[in-house]
Amino acid sequence: MGTAFLVALTYAFVNSMLTLSAIVFLISPGREPAASVIFTFARMGELGLASALSLLVITVVLVALGLLWALARRSTLVGVRL
């Protein structure tokens, strides 16, 4: 049961990152979502910039997932079952 909850939490987190990104950029005038910038760079032939920005987004998501995993593991160790 705990594993299923963690998988569901991971799925919800990844999907919410996309939504949160869009919301943050909608609130901030003059900004574009990272996905839009990545595609623009790729269309312009700036594959190095597109790759670097993609790697940055992936790194941020992986760090956040790592923190969630650590939090879930810590809560399991102190007796709170997920």
C-alpha atoms as a PDB file:
ATOM      1  CA  MET A   1       0.000   0.000   0.000  1.00  0.00           C
ATOM      2  CA  GLY A   2       2.840   2.413   0.815  1.00  0.00           C
ATOM      3  CA  THR A   3       4.526   1.788  -2.530  1.00  0.00           C
ATOM      4  CA  ALA A   4       1.302   2.513  -4.428  1.00  0.00           C
ATOM      5  CA  PHE A   5       0.880   5.730  -2.483  1.00  0.00           C
ATOM      6  CA  LEU A   6       4.438   6.797  -3.287  1.00  0.00           C
ATOM      7  CA  VAL A   7       3.940   6.039  -6.988  1.00  0.00           C
ATOM      8  CA  ALA A   8       0.702   8.031  -7.004  1.00  0.00           C
ATOM      9  CA  LEU A   9       2.427  10.892  -5.199  1.00  0.00           C
ATOM     10  CA  THR A  10       5.252  10.859  -7.751  1.00  0.00           C
ATOM     11  CA  TYR A  11       2.791  10.865 -10.648  1.00  0.00           C
ATOM     12  CA  ALA A  12       0.821  13.735  -9.136  1.00  0.00           C
ATOM     13  CA  PHE A  13       4.006  15.686  -8.442  1.00  0.00           C
ATOM     14  CA  VAL A  14       5.338  15.383 -11.989  1.00  0.00           C
ATOM     15  CA  ASN A  15       1.990  16.421 -13.450  1.00  0.00           C
ATOM     16  CA  SER A  16       1.668  19.298 -11.008  1.00  0.00           C
ATOM     17  CA  MET A  17       5.140  20.559 -11.977  1.00  0.00           C
ATOM     18  CA  LEU A  18       3.856  21.122 -15.497  1.00  0.00           C
ATOM     19  CA  THR A  19       0.744  22.886 -14.209  1.00  0.00           C
ATOM     20  CA  LEU A  20       2.703  24.923 -11.682  1.00  0.00           C
ATOM     21  CA  SER A  21       5.143  26.001 -14.364  1.00  0.00           C
ATOM     22  CA  ALA A  22       2.293  27.260 -16.517  1.00  0.00           C
ATOM     23  CA  ILE A  23       0.641  29.054 -13.599  1.00  0.00           C
ATOM     24  CA  VAL A  24       3.844  30.765 -12.487  1.00  0.00           C
ATOM     25  CA  PHE A  25       4.538  32.007 -15.985  1.00  0.00           C
ATOM     26  CA  LEU A  26       0.939  33.140 -16.481  1.00  0.00           C
ATOM     27  CA  ILE A  27       1.214  35.280 -13.358  1.00  0.00           C
ATOM     28  CA  SER A  28       4.569  36.766 -14.368  1.00  0.00           C
ATOM     29  CA  PRO A  29       4.098  39.011 -17.411  1.00  0.00           C
ATOM     30  CA  GLY A  30       6.759  38.790 -20.075  1.00  0.00           C
ATOM     31  CA  ARG A  31       7.826  35.245 -19.223  1.00  0.00           C
ATOM     32  CA  GLU A  32       7.414  31.997 -21.154  1.00  0.00           C
ATOM     33  CA  PRO A  33       7.096  28.437 -19.863  1.00  0.00           C
ATOM     34  CA  ALA A  34      10.354  26.507 -20.018  1.00  0.00           C
ATOM     35  CA  ALA A  35       8.846  23.976 -22.448  1.00  0.00           C
ATOM     36  CA  SER A  36       7.993  26.765 -24.874  1.00  0.00           C
ATOM     37  CA  VAL A  37      11.510  28.198 -24.672  1.00  0.00           C
ATOM     38  CA  ILE A  38      13.024  24.748 -25.232  1.00  0.00           C
ATOM     39  CA  PHE A  39      10.929  24.210 -28.367  1.00  0.00           C
ATOM     40  CA  THR A  40      11.767  27.715 -29.623  1.00  0.00           C
ATOM     41  CA  PHE A  41      15.491  27.061 -29.198  1.00  0.00           C
ATOM     42  CA  ALA A  42      15.145  23.723 -31.005  1.00  0.00           C
ATOM     43  CA  ARG A  43      13.246  25.302 -33.899  1.00  0.00           C
ATOM     44  CA  MET A  44      15.909  28.008 -34.238  1.00  0.00           C
ATOM     45  CA  GLY A  45      18.599  25.327 -34.434  1.00  0.00           C
ATOM     46  CA  GLU A  46      20.048  26.169 -31.022  1.00  0.00           C
ATOM     47  CA  LEU A  47      20.145  22.552 -29.948  1.00  0.00           C
ATOM     48  CA  GLY A  48      22.849  23.176 -27.347  1.00  0.00           C
ATOM     49  CA  LEU A  49      20.705  25.777 -25.556  1.00  0.00           C
ATOM     50  CA  ALA A  50      17.614  23.572 -25.833  1.00  0.00           C
ATOM     51  CA  SER A  51      19.554  20.628 -24.397  1.00  0.00           C
ATOM     52  CA  ALA A  52      21.001  22.709 -21.553  1.00  0.00           C
ATOM     53  CA  LEU A  53      17.587  24.066 -20.563  1.00  0.00           C
ATOM     54  CA  SER A  54      16.072  20.577 -20.787  1.00  0.00           C
ATOM     55  CA  LEU A  55      18.815  19.255 -18.521  1.00  0.00           C
ATOM     56  CA  LEU A  56      18.130  22.057 -16.037  1.00  0.00           C
ATOM     57  CA  VAL A  57      14.416  21.216 -15.932  1.00  0.00           C
ATOM     58  CA  ILE A  58      15.175  17.502 -15.521  1.00  0.00           C
ATOM     59  CA  THR A  59      17.634  18.272 -12.714  1.00  0.00           C
ATOM     60  CA  VAL A  60      15.111  20.394 -10.825  1.00  0.00           C
ATOM     61  CA  VAL A  61      12.461  17.678 -11.109  1.00  0.00           C
ATOM     62  CA  LEU A  62      14.885  14.929 -10.034  1.00  0.00           C
ATOM     63  CA  VAL A  63      16.050  16.940  -7.018  1.00  0.00           C
ATOM     64  CA  ALA A  64      12.448  17.526  -5.979  1.00  0.00           C
ATOM     65  CA  LEU A  65      11.653  13.832  -6.435  1.00  0.00           C
ATOM     66  CA  GLY A  66      14.710  12.946  -4.370  1.00  0.00           C
ATOM     67  CA  LEU A  67      13.518  15.219  -1.585  1.00  0.00           C
ATOM     68  CA  LEU A  68      10.071  13.638  -1.692  1.00  0.00           C
ATOM     69  CA  TRP A  69      11.634  10.164  -1.612  1.00  0.00           C
ATOM     70  CA  ALA A  70      13.804  11.135   1.369  1.00  0.00           C
ATOM     71  CA  LEU A  71      10.798  12.585   3.167  1.00  0.00           C
ATOM     72  CA  ALA A  72       8.778   9.429   2.528  1.00  0.00           C
ATOM     73  CA  ARG A  73      11.645   7.235   3.705  1.00  0.00           C
ATOM     74  CA  ARG A  74      12.162   9.355   6.816  1.00  0.00           C
ATOM     75  CA  SER A  75       8.475   9.252   7.721  1.00  0.00           C
ATOM     76  CA  THR A  76       8.513   5.460   7.275  1.00  0.00           C
ATOM     77  CA  LEU A  77      11.547   5.165   9.557  1.00  0.00           C
ATOM     78  CA  VAL A  78       9.926   7.125  12.379  1.00  0.00           C
ATOM     79  CA  GLY A  79       6.853   4.899  12.347  1.00  0.00           C
ATOM     80  CA  VAL A  80       4.462   6.764  10.071  1.00  0.00           C
ATOM     81  CA  ARG A  81       3.450   4.336   7.355  1.00  0.00           C
ATOM     82  CA  LEU A  82       2.456   5.789   3.989  1.00  0.00           C
END
